[in-house]
Amino acid sequence: MHSHGFSVEPETLMRQAWKTAEEWSDRAIEYYDSQFGEGYSKEHPEMISAFLNACALDQIAGWLATYDRVGLEVKVSSSGVIE
């Protein structure tokens, strides 16, 4: 636990992950179908994948910025895993 006003249990993040992915997927489908026509998303699943990757990277950047703002150290293992 951190004394900086926020903390999240790993189990909470695990339970939330699929809900986040589902929300992002729904938004991606709505966006691409509205821009390029009904069914575009189904014909181009790579676009949904790219959208999900962009959302995930943006969320990671937000967490890292929050950690930096409150003065928490972020450690990254040699394999690239944030500890």
Protein backbone atom coordinates (compact mmCIF):
# COMPACT_ATOMS: atom_id res chain seq x y z
CA MET A 1 0.00 0.00 0.00
CA HIS A 2 1.12 3.53 -0.73
CA SER A 3 0.67 6.51 1.54
CA HIS A 4 0.19 8.87 -1.41
CA GLY A 5 -3.61 8.82 -1.44
CA PHE A 6 -4.21 5.94 -3.85
CA SER A 7 -3.69 2.23 -4.01
CA VAL A 8 -5.12 -0.61 -6.00
CA GLU A 9 -4.93 -4.27 -5.15
CA PRO A 10 -3.63 -6.54 -7.95
CA GLU A 11 -6.77 -8.67 -7.71
CA THR A 12 -8.94 -5.59 -8.32
CA LEU A 13 -6.94 -4.75 -11.44
CA MET A 14 -7.27 -8.34 -12.66
CA ARG A 15 -11.06 -8.29 -12.20
CA GLN A 16 -11.30 -4.90 -13.92
CA ALA A 17 -9.10 -5.76 -16.92
CA TRP A 18 -11.71 -7.59 -18.99
CA LYS A 19 -14.26 -4.84 -18.34
CA THR A 20 -11.78 -2.24 -19.57
CA ALA A 21 -10.97 -4.29 -22.68
CA GLU A 22 -14.66 -4.79 -23.39
CA GLU A 23 -15.34 -1.05 -23.07
CA TRP A 24 -12.45 -0.18 -25.38
CA SER A 25 -13.52 -2.83 -27.90
CA ASP A 26 -17.08 -1.51 -27.96
CA ARG A 27 -15.81 2.04 -28.49
CA ALA A 28 -13.46 0.92 -31.27
CA ILE A 29 -16.26 -0.89 -33.11
CA GLU A 30 -18.57 2.11 -32.78
CA TYR A 31 -15.86 4.47 -33.98
CA TYR A 32 -14.66 2.50 -37.01
CA ASP A 33 -18.16 1.53 -38.13
CA SER A 34 -19.31 5.15 -37.86
CA GLN A 35 -16.28 6.38 -39.84
CA PHE A 36 -16.05 3.68 -42.51
CA GLY A 37 -19.47 2.02 -42.63
CA GLU A 38 -21.34 -0.71 -40.83
CA GLY A 39 -19.36 -3.94 -40.66
CA TYR A 40 -15.95 -2.34 -41.21
CA SER A 41 -14.77 -3.45 -37.78
CA LYS A 42 -15.74 -7.04 -38.41
CA GLU A 43 -13.86 -7.02 -41.72
CA HIS A 44 -10.79 -5.37 -40.14
CA PRO A 45 -10.13 -6.90 -36.70
CA GLU A 46 -6.54 -5.63 -36.91
CA MET A 47 -7.94 -2.12 -36.45
CA ILE A 48 -9.65 -3.17 -33.21
CA SER A 49 -6.38 -4.71 -32.05
CA ALA A 50 -4.45 -1.53 -32.85
CA PHE A 51 -7.09 0.55 -31.03
CA LEU A 52 -6.80 -1.68 -27.93
CA ASN A 53 -3.00 -1.40 -28.00
CA ALA A 54 -3.19 2.39 -28.25
CA CYS A 55 -5.63 2.54 -25.33
CA ALA A 56 -3.44 0.28 -23.20
CA LEU A 57 -0.32 2.33 -23.92
CA ASP A 58 -2.19 5.52 -23.08
CA GLN A 59 -3.36 4.04 -19.78
CA ILE A 60 0.17 2.95 -18.90
CA ALA A 61 1.47 6.44 -19.69
CA GLY A 62 -1.21 7.90 -17.42
CA TRP A 63 -0.25 5.61 -14.54
CA LEU A 64 3.43 6.42 -14.98
CA ALA A 65 2.68 10.15 -15.01
CA THR A 66 0.61 9.75 -11.84
CA TYR A 67 3.42 7.87 -10.12
CA ASP A 68 5.88 10.56 -11.16
CA ARG A 69 3.58 13.35 -9.98
CA VAL A 70 3.25 11.88 -6.48
CA GLY A 71 6.93 10.97 -6.28
CA LEU A 72 6.70 7.18 -6.46
CA GLU A 73 9.61 5.33 -8.00
CA VAL A 74 8.83 3.10 -10.94
CA LYS A 75 11.10 0.09 -11.31
CA VAL A 76 11.35 -1.82 -14.57
CA SER A 77 12.85 -5.28 -14.64
CA SER A 78 15.40 -6.33 -17.26
CA SER A 79 12.55 -8.06 -19.13
CA GLY A 80 10.57 -4.81 -19.30
CA VAL A 81 8.05 -5.58 -16.56
CA ILE A 82 7.06 -2.67 -14.37
CA GLU A 83 7.52 -3.64 -10.73
